[in-house]
Amino acid sequence: MTLLLILIALFLGAPLYAVFAAIALHGWHSEGVSISVAGTDLFRLSGNQVLVTIPLFTYAGYILGESNAPQRLVRLSRALFGTIPGGLAIVSILASSLFTAFTGATGVTIAALGALLYPALLRDGYRDDYSLGLVTTGGSLGLLFAPSVPIIVYAIVAKVPVTEMFIAGLAPGILMILILSLFSIYVAKRSGIERTPFSWTRLFEALWDARWEVPLPLFVIAGIYGGLFTVSEIAAITALWAFVVEVFITKDIAWQEHGRIVRESMVMAGGILITVAAAMAATSYFIDIDLPSLIFESVRAIAGGKISFLILLNLFLFGLGMFLDIFSALVVVVPLILPMAKAYGVNLIHLGIIFLANMQIGYLTPPFGMGLFISSYRFNKGILRVALASLPFILMLILSLLLITYWEGLSLAILRAMGRPY
């Protein structure tokens, strides 16, 4: 009866952290264990040094999102890639991926960059449905690139090195961008979209305009992939850089507005952290009652080997992404599937990339994909229209997901080339 009431509260809009905490408290109480165990679980993450990167990267993302950095980024990307067939579409994909990687929030990308890119695509002659689908899909890209917060959360939960997760996500993320870019080139050629003539003057002007933002992603890439700094150090420098540049140098953000941005970013970071903590408490109870073994026995009765297990895993995660937000899914589901993945010989780094790639697509998938609802609200379009417009892009992403899932080397090749034991 208590669990039924908890589920009803969830469907009535109760916060996820409250639902997870209630499940943990009810579970331990029903087992005759002191509910203080749940309190211990809630604070279990506090000793993890990587945890500090979440509020820092979230703050940096909010600062960049509130400034004119997105406009400067799009202008520079267009100067670089506008001469390619489908140049503006490729610019949209690249800019959205980079922006989502830094903000960690696909909805922010749709709202901030979508408002800029959607009318620009229409002016360049792209069809309305194609433009709508592109900006909606672009909002979900970037979760596999540093410094994506979901990658950090997966690394914490799965107890794998976060730096190695960032390295593993590089090639799969590029593959997704490449497949969507090739599709965009095909659409542009078929539609007769004119190219933007290349201009050195325009390129240098765009570079000068974005001179303070361009070094930031280069620093993150060099720091993480080159092993020059720890992730915590990179997070701190990124936050300080964004603050100094946007408040004091470009002055895009007035000092009076900075306090509001800090509050909003910390509310977002706090929401992530408290949800993760509460979900960890619920997961601890699930593990105590040996739920992973029960699930494993059920899966083993269906899946005969590694390939069939990966097929079932993709189907499960694909559906999960439609209903559950990515951070809750990471903390609740990952501990349950880790034992199964190990039993079937799936590398945990590779598993994380499969998980996040699925979540990206589930975020766009009808009937409950959150990206569809955000895009529908932002552009004042019917949810069915947004879903149909996004369908070709979803199919392209599913194609990339299949390659990511069944080509393990795509995720692990760079790590192996660096001499890591994978």
Protein backbone atom coordinates (compact mmCIF):
# COMPACT_ATOMS: atom_id res chain seq x y z
CA MET A 1 0.00 0.00 0.00
CA THR A 2 2.83 2.40 0.88
CA LEU A 3 4.60 1.74 -2.43
CA LEU A 4 1.34 2.38 -4.28
CA LEU A 5 1.00 5.75 -2.54
CA ILE A 6 4.61 6.59 -3.49
CA LEU A 7 3.90 5.78 -7.15
CA ILE A 8 0.73 7.89 -7.07
CA ALA A 9 2.76 10.77 -5.63
CA LEU A 10 5.27 10.36 -8.47
CA PHE A 11 2.56 10.60 -11.14
CA LEU A 12 1.03 13.60 -9.36
CA GLY A 13 4.32 15.47 -9.73
CA ALA A 14 6.23 14.77 -6.52
CA PRO A 15 9.95 15.60 -6.83
CA LEU A 16 12.04 12.60 -7.84
CA TYR A 17 14.39 12.98 -4.89
CA ALA A 18 11.41 12.74 -2.51
CA VAL A 19 10.15 9.61 -4.29
CA PHE A 20 13.56 7.90 -4.15
CA ALA A 21 14.06 8.85 -0.50
CA ALA A 22 10.59 7.52 0.34
CA ILE A 23 11.36 4.21 -1.39
CA ALA A 24 14.59 3.89 0.60
CA LEU A 25 12.91 4.73 3.93
CA HIS A 26 10.01 2.37 3.30
CA GLY A 27 12.34 -0.40 2.14
CA TRP A 28 14.64 -0.29 5.15
CA HIS A 29 11.70 0.01 7.56
CA SER A 30 9.96 -3.00 6.01
CA GLU A 31 13.20 -4.98 6.43
CA GLY A 32 13.33 -4.10 10.12
CA VAL A 33 16.46 -2.00 9.67
CA SER A 34 16.85 1.45 11.21
CA ILE A 35 15.96 4.14 8.69
CA SER A 36 19.14 5.97 9.74
CA VAL A 37 20.82 3.73 7.15
CA ALA A 38 19.13 5.86 4.47
CA GLY A 39 20.64 8.95 6.05
CA THR A 40 24.07 7.41 5.77
CA ASP A 41 23.44 6.67 2.10
CA LEU A 42 22.31 10.23 1.45
CA PHE A 43 25.70 11.56 2.50
CA ARG A 44 27.74 8.71 1.02
CA LEU A 45 28.79 10.79 -1.97
CA SER A 46 30.16 13.71 0.04
CA GLY A 47 33.66 12.29 0.10
CA ASN A 48 33.91 12.01 -3.68
CA GLN A 49 36.27 14.71 -4.97
CA VAL A 50 34.85 14.57 -8.49
CA LEU A 51 31.47 15.72 -7.13
CA VAL A 52 32.69 19.32 -6.87
CA THR A 53 32.90 19.50 -10.67
CA ILE A 54 29.10 19.34 -11.07
CA PRO A 55 28.27 22.79 -9.58
CA LEU A 56 31.35 24.34 -11.21
CA PHE A 57 30.57 23.12 -14.73
CA THR A 58 26.87 23.92 -14.23
CA TYR A 59 27.72 27.48 -13.20
CA ALA A 60 30.06 27.92 -16.19
CA GLY A 61 27.35 26.63 -18.53
CA TYR A 62 24.76 29.05 -17.17
CA ILE A 63 27.17 31.98 -17.48
CA LEU A 64 27.91 31.12 -21.12
CA GLY A 65 24.22 30.55 -21.85
CA GLU A 66 23.19 33.96 -20.49
CA SER A 67 25.92 35.81 -22.42
CA ASN A 68 26.27 36.43 -26.15
CA ALA A 69 28.75 33.56 -26.44
CA PRO A 70 26.24 31.37 -28.37
CA GLN A 71 25.87 34.04 -31.06
CA ARG A 72 29.65 34.44 -31.36
CA LEU A 73 30.06 30.68 -31.50
CA VAL A 74 27.51 30.32 -34.30
CA ARG A 75 29.06 33.19 -36.26
CA LEU A 76 32.51 31.62 -36.05
CA SER A 77 31.22 28.16 -36.98
CA ARG A 78 29.41 29.58 -39.97
CA ALA A 79 32.53 31.39 -41.15
CA LEU A 80 34.42 28.09 -40.95
CA PHE A 81 31.83 25.66 -42.37
CA GLY A 82 29.38 27.82 -44.30
CA THR A 83 31.00 27.01 -47.63
CA ILE A 84 30.27 23.27 -47.21
CA PRO A 85 26.96 21.96 -48.63
CA GLY A 86 24.56 22.07 -45.70
CA GLY A 87 26.99 24.37 -43.92
CA LEU A 88 24.48 26.07 -41.63
CA ALA A 89 22.96 22.73 -40.68
CA ILE A 90 26.41 21.41 -39.78
CA VAL A 91 27.04 24.61 -37.82
CA SER A 92 23.82 23.93 -35.90
CA ILE A 93 24.92 20.39 -35.06
CA LEU A 94 28.42 21.43 -33.95
CA ALA A 95 27.31 24.46 -31.96
CA SER A 96 24.53 22.55 -30.20
CA SER A 97 26.90 19.70 -29.32
CA LEU A 98 29.49 22.03 -27.84
CA PHE A 99 26.90 24.04 -25.95
CA THR A 100 25.20 20.94 -24.48
CA ALA A 101 28.57 19.51 -23.43
CA PHE A 102 29.26 22.63 -21.36
CA THR A 103 25.77 23.24 -19.97
CA GLY A 104 24.85 19.58 -19.46
CA ALA A 105 21.24 20.56 -20.14
CA THR A 106 19.65 19.77 -23.49
CA GLY A 107 16.67 22.00 -22.75
CA VAL A 108 18.94 25.01 -22.32
CA THR A 109 20.48 24.34 -25.73
CA ILE A 110 17.09 24.13 -27.44
CA ALA A 111 15.96 27.35 -25.78
CA ALA A 112 19.18 29.35 -26.18
CA LEU A 113 20.64 28.20 -29.50
CA GLY A 114 17.39 27.02 -31.08
CA ALA A 115 15.97 30.53 -31.01
CA LEU A 116 19.04 31.69 -32.93
CA LEU A 117 19.42 28.79 -35.38
CA TYR A 118 15.81 27.99 -36.28
CA PRO A 119 15.05 31.31 -38.05
CA ALA A 120 18.53 31.30 -39.64
CA LEU A 121 17.87 27.87 -41.16
CA LEU A 122 14.54 29.05 -42.53
CA ARG A 123 16.17 32.13 -44.07
CA ASP A 124 18.72 29.90 -45.80
CA GLY A 125 15.93 27.97 -47.50
CA TYR A 126 15.70 24.84 -45.35
CA ARG A 127 12.21 23.38 -44.97
CA ASP A 128 10.41 24.20 -41.75
CA ASP A 129 10.06 20.56 -40.63
CA TYR A 130 13.73 19.86 -41.28
CA SER A 131 14.81 22.99 -39.38
CA LEU A 132 12.52 22.17 -36.46
CA GLY A 133 13.78 18.59 -36.28
CA LEU A 134 17.40 19.69 -36.49
CA VAL A 135 17.30 22.20 -33.63
CA THR A 136 15.29 19.76 -31.50
CA THR A 137 17.74 16.92 -32.12
CA GLY A 138 20.79 19.17 -31.75
CA GLY A 139 19.73 19.92 -28.19
CA SER A 140 20.38 16.31 -27.18
CA LEU A 141 23.84 16.07 -28.72
CA GLY A 142 27.00 16.67 -26.74
CA LEU A 143 26.37 14.44 -23.72
CA LEU A 144 29.31 12.24 -24.77
CA PHE A 145 31.80 15.13 -24.84
CA ALA A 146 33.82 16.66 -22.00
CA PRO A 147 32.87 18.27 -19.69
CA SER A 148 29.41 16.64 -19.80
CA VAL A 149 27.93 16.33 -16.30
CA PRO A 150 26.10 13.03 -17.06
CA ILE A 151 29.46 11.42 -17.87
CA ILE A 152 30.76 12.59 -14.49
CA VAL A 153 27.71 11.11 -12.71
CA TYR A 154 28.14 7.78 -14.52
CA ALA A 155 31.81 7.66 -13.55
CA ILE A 156 30.90 8.26 -9.89
CA VAL A 157 28.17 5.62 -9.85
CA ALA A 158 30.07 2.97 -11.82
CA LYS A 159 33.35 3.77 -10.03
CA VAL A 160 35.36 4.21 -13.20
CA PRO A 161 37.86 7.04 -13.94
CA VAL A 162 36.00 10.11 -15.20
CA THR A 163 38.91 11.13 -17.44
CA GLU A 164 38.78 7.77 -19.20
CA MET A 165 35.02 8.17 -19.69
CA PHE A 166 35.63 11.53 -21.37
CA ILE A 167 38.23 9.98 -23.66
CA ALA A 168 35.95 7.03 -24.49
CA GLY A 169 33.07 9.35 -25.44
CA LEU A 170 35.10 11.29 -28.00
CA ALA A 171 34.93 8.92 -31.00
CA PRO A 172 31.26 7.85 -30.49
CA GLY A 173 30.26 11.50 -30.11
CA ILE A 174 32.09 12.43 -33.31
CA LEU A 175 30.39 9.50 -35.07
CA MET A 176 26.94 10.83 -34.14
CA ILE A 177 27.86 14.30 -35.39
CA LEU A 178 29.35 12.87 -38.59
CA ILE A 179 26.25 10.80 -39.44
CA LEU A 180 23.92 13.76 -38.85
CA SER A 181 26.24 16.03 -40.86
CA LEU A 182 26.29 13.63 -43.83
CA PHE A 183 22.51 13.48 -43.68
CA SER A 184 22.38 17.29 -43.63
CA ILE A 185 24.69 17.51 -46.67
CA TYR A 186 22.38 15.11 -48.54
CA VAL A 187 19.31 17.18 -47.63
CA ALA A 188 21.02 20.45 -48.64
CA LYS A 189 22.09 19.10 -52.03
CA ARG A 190 18.66 17.63 -52.72
CA SER A 191 16.97 20.90 -51.72
CA GLY A 192 19.38 23.09 -53.69
CA ILE A 193 20.51 25.10 -50.65
CA GLU A 194 23.11 27.66 -51.68
CA ARG A 195 26.52 27.67 -50.02
CA THR A 196 27.90 30.68 -48.20
CA PRO A 197 31.05 31.88 -50.00
CA PHE A 198 34.17 31.59 -47.87
CA SER A 199 35.69 34.87 -46.73
CA TRP A 200 38.95 35.29 -44.86
CA THR A 201 37.76 38.69 -43.69
CA ARG A 202 34.57 37.19 -42.21
CA LEU A 203 36.58 34.40 -40.56
CA PHE A 204 39.10 36.75 -38.94
CA GLU A 205 36.31 39.04 -37.75
CA ALA A 206 34.46 36.08 -36.21
CA LEU A 207 37.66 34.80 -34.59
CA TRP A 208 38.42 38.22 -33.14
CA ASP A 209 34.87 38.57 -31.87
CA ALA A 210 35.08 35.17 -30.13
CA ARG A 211 38.72 35.48 -29.06
CA TRP A 212 37.88 35.10 -25.37
CA GLU A 213 35.57 32.09 -25.77
CA VAL A 214 37.62 30.07 -28.30
CA PRO A 215 40.44 29.19 -25.85
CA LEU A 216 37.98 27.69 -23.34
CA PRO A 217 36.98 24.49 -25.22
CA LEU A 218 40.57 24.15 -26.44
CA PHE A 219 41.76 24.29 -22.83
CA VAL A 220 39.20 21.69 -21.73
CA ILE A 221 40.16 19.37 -24.62
CA ALA A 222 43.89 19.74 -24.00
CA GLY A 223 43.51 19.44 -20.24
CA ILE A 224 41.35 16.32 -20.26
CA TYR A 225 42.60 14.43 -23.29
CA GLY A 226 46.21 15.47 -22.73
CA GLY A 227 46.16 14.65 -19.03
CA LEU A 228 47.53 18.08 -18.12
CA PHE A 229 45.01 18.78 -15.33
CA THR A 230 42.63 16.85 -13.12
CA VAL A 231 38.91 17.16 -13.87
CA SER A 232 38.41 19.19 -10.68
CA GLU A 233 41.12 21.65 -11.72
CA ILE A 234 39.60 22.00 -15.19
CA ALA A 235 36.16 22.63 -13.66
CA ALA A 236 37.49 25.38 -11.40
CA ILE A 237 39.44 27.12 -14.19
CA THR A 238 36.45 26.84 -16.57
CA ALA A 239 34.13 28.49 -14.05
CA LEU A 240 36.63 31.27 -13.28
CA TRP A 241 37.34 31.85 -16.98
CA ALA A 242 33.64 32.10 -17.86
CA PHE A 243 33.01 34.49 -14.97
CA VAL A 244 35.91 36.85 -15.76
CA VAL A 245 35.31 36.89 -19.52
CA GLU A 246 31.53 37.37 -19.55
CA VAL A 247 31.26 39.75 -16.58
CA PHE A 248 34.41 41.88 -16.79
CA ILE A 249 35.84 41.58 -20.33
CA THR A 250 32.94 41.27 -22.78
CA LYS A 251 30.54 42.67 -20.13
CA ASP A 252 27.68 40.62 -21.60
CA ILE A 253 26.44 40.00 -18.07
CA ALA A 254 25.89 42.90 -15.72
CA TRP A 255 27.14 42.45 -12.18
CA GLN A 256 23.59 42.88 -10.90
CA GLU A 257 22.50 39.88 -13.01
CA HIS A 258 25.33 37.67 -11.81
CA GLY A 259 23.66 36.91 -8.48
CA ARG A 260 20.55 35.63 -10.25
CA ILE A 261 22.64 33.38 -12.51
CA VAL A 262 24.49 31.97 -9.50
CA ARG A 263 21.19 31.18 -7.78
CA GLU A 264 19.67 29.54 -10.84
CA SER A 265 22.76 27.47 -11.61
CA MET A 266 23.10 26.30 -8.01
CA VAL A 267 19.42 25.36 -7.91
CA MET A 268 20.07 23.20 -10.96
CA ALA A 269 23.27 21.72 -9.46
CA GLY A 270 21.56 21.19 -6.11
CA GLY A 271 18.67 19.45 -7.83
CA ILE A 272 21.11 17.10 -9.54
CA LEU A 273 23.03 16.37 -6.35
CA ILE A 274 20.03 15.77 -4.10
CA THR A 275 18.40 13.55 -6.73
CA VAL A 276 21.62 11.56 -7.11
CA ALA A 277 21.96 11.22 -3.31
CA ALA A 278 18.36 10.09 -2.80
CA ALA A 279 18.58 7.70 -5.73
CA MET A 280 21.76 6.23 -4.24
CA ALA A 281 19.83 5.58 -1.02
CA ALA A 282 17.09 3.75 -2.96
CA THR A 283 19.67 1.83 -4.97
CA SER A 284 21.42 0.72 -1.78
CA TYR A 285 18.16 -0.88 -0.65
CA PHE A 286 17.66 -2.55 -4.05
CA ILE A 287 21.12 -4.05 -3.84
CA ASP A 288 20.56 -5.20 -0.24
CA ILE A 289 17.50 -7.22 -1.27
CA ASP A 290 19.59 -8.65 -4.15
CA LEU A 291 17.43 -7.14 -6.88
CA PRO A 292 20.31 -7.21 -9.42
CA SER A 293 20.51 -11.01 -9.11
CA LEU A 294 16.77 -11.37 -9.62
CA ILE A 295 16.93 -9.20 -12.72
CA PHE A 296 20.00 -11.06 -13.98
CA GLU A 297 18.27 -14.43 -13.69
CA SER A 298 15.30 -13.09 -15.64
CA VAL A 299 17.54 -11.63 -18.35
CA ARG A 300 19.66 -14.78 -18.58
CA ALA A 301 16.53 -16.79 -19.32
CA ILE A 302 16.01 -14.63 -22.42
CA ALA A 303 19.50 -13.53 -23.47
CA GLY A 304 21.73 -16.37 -24.56
CA GLY A 305 24.90 -14.36 -24.98
CA LYS A 306 26.56 -10.96 -25.08
CA ILE A 307 24.95 -9.84 -28.36
CA SER A 308 21.40 -10.71 -27.29
CA PHE A 309 22.06 -9.06 -23.91
CA LEU A 310 23.13 -5.83 -25.67
CA ILE A 311 19.99 -5.94 -27.83
CA LEU A 312 17.79 -6.25 -24.73
CA LEU A 313 19.82 -3.55 -22.99
CA ASN A 314 19.31 -1.12 -25.86
CA LEU A 315 15.56 -1.77 -25.98
CA PHE A 316 15.30 -1.29 -22.22
CA LEU A 317 17.38 1.90 -22.12
CA PHE A 318 15.62 3.29 -25.19
CA GLY A 319 12.28 3.02 -23.39
CA LEU A 320 13.74 4.21 -20.09
CA GLY A 321 14.98 7.43 -21.68
CA MET A 322 11.41 8.35 -22.59
CA PHE A 323 10.20 8.27 -19.00
CA LEU A 324 13.07 9.03 -16.63
CA ASP A 325 15.47 11.95 -16.51
CA ILE A 326 19.07 11.06 -17.23
CA PHE A 327 20.49 11.67 -13.75
CA SER A 328 17.88 9.52 -12.00
CA ALA A 329 18.35 6.80 -14.63
CA LEU A 330 22.12 6.86 -14.10
CA VAL A 331 21.95 6.45 -10.34
CA VAL A 332 19.06 3.99 -10.11
CA VAL A 333 19.59 1.79 -13.17
CA VAL A 334 23.38 1.66 -13.60
CA PRO A 335 24.03 -0.21 -10.30
CA LEU A 336 21.36 -2.75 -11.27
CA ILE A 337 22.80 -3.51 -14.72
CA LEU A 338 26.51 -3.41 -13.77
CA PRO A 339 26.57 -7.03 -12.47
CA MET A 340 24.81 -8.24 -15.62
CA ALA A 341 27.19 -6.32 -17.88
CA LYS A 342 30.19 -7.81 -16.07
CA ALA A 343 28.71 -11.30 -16.34
CA TYR A 344 28.29 -10.92 -20.10
CA GLY A 345 31.77 -9.45 -20.53
CA VAL A 346 30.71 -5.89 -21.37
CA ASN A 347 33.40 -3.34 -20.55
CA LEU A 348 32.10 -0.81 -18.01
CA ILE A 349 33.54 2.15 -19.91
CA HIS A 350 31.81 0.93 -23.07
CA LEU A 351 28.62 0.33 -21.07
CA GLY A 352 28.61 3.98 -19.98
CA ILE A 353 28.85 5.20 -23.57
CA ILE A 354 26.00 2.88 -24.62
CA PHE A 355 23.92 4.12 -21.68
CA LEU A 356 24.43 7.81 -22.43
CA ALA A 357 23.91 7.38 -26.18
CA ASN A 358 20.58 5.70 -25.44
CA MET A 359 19.57 8.48 -23.06
CA GLN A 360 20.30 11.06 -25.77
CA ILE A 361 17.88 9.34 -28.14
CA GLY A 362 15.26 8.59 -25.50
CA TYR A 363 15.18 12.30 -24.69
CA LEU A 364 13.79 12.84 -28.21
CA THR A 365 11.51 9.84 -28.55
CA PRO A 366 7.72 10.06 -28.44
CA PRO A 367 5.47 9.89 -26.59
CA PHE A 368 7.26 11.26 -23.51
CA GLY A 369 10.65 12.48 -24.73
CA MET A 370 11.27 15.70 -22.80
CA GLY A 371 13.14 17.34 -25.68
CA LEU A 372 9.98 17.19 -27.79
CA PHE A 373 7.95 19.04 -25.16
CA ILE A 374 10.63 21.72 -24.67
CA SER A 375 10.87 22.29 -28.43
CA SER A 376 7.09 22.32 -28.79
CA TYR A 377 6.81 24.99 -26.11
CA ARG A 378 9.79 27.04 -27.33
CA PHE A 379 8.71 27.20 -30.99
CA ASN A 380 4.95 27.06 -30.44
CA LYS A 381 4.51 23.92 -32.54
CA GLY A 382 2.29 20.92 -31.89
CA ILE A 383 4.01 18.01 -30.14
CA LEU A 384 3.05 15.62 -32.95
CA ARG A 385 4.60 17.94 -35.54
CA VAL A 386 7.83 18.20 -33.54
CA ALA A 387 7.95 14.40 -33.17
CA LEU A 388 7.46 13.81 -36.91
CA ALA A 389 10.04 16.49 -37.75
CA SER A 390 12.56 14.82 -35.43
CA LEU A 391 11.92 11.28 -36.71
CA PRO A 392 14.53 11.26 -39.55
CA PHE A 393 17.19 12.52 -37.14
CA ILE A 394 16.19 9.93 -34.53
CA LEU A 395 16.65 7.19 -37.14
CA MET A 396 20.13 8.52 -37.93
CA LEU A 397 20.98 8.51 -34.22
CA ILE A 398 19.69 4.95 -33.85
CA LEU A 399 22.02 3.93 -36.68
CA SER A 400 24.94 5.50 -34.83
CA LEU A 401 23.80 3.81 -31.59
CA LEU A 402 23.97 0.39 -33.24
CA LEU A 403 27.54 1.09 -34.37
CA ILE A 404 28.49 2.34 -30.91
CA THR A 405 26.94 -0.69 -29.21
CA TYR A 406 28.37 -3.47 -31.35
CA TRP A 407 31.72 -1.87 -32.22
CA GLU A 408 33.41 -1.84 -28.83
CA GLY A 409 36.65 -0.53 -30.28
CA LEU A 410 34.98 2.74 -31.17
CA SER A 411 34.78 3.60 -27.47
CA LEU A 412 38.00 1.95 -26.36
CA ALA A 413 40.42 2.41 -29.28
CA ILE A 414 41.85 5.73 -28.07
CA LEU A 415 42.27 4.41 -24.53
CA ARG A 416 44.04 1.32 -25.86
CA ALA A 417 46.29 3.46 -28.03
CA MET A 418 47.22 5.41 -24.87
CA GLY A 419 48.25 2.16 -23.21
CA ARG A 420 45.24 1.86 -20.91
CA PRO A 421 44.29 -1.76 -20.01
CA TYR A 422 41.10 -2.06 -22.08
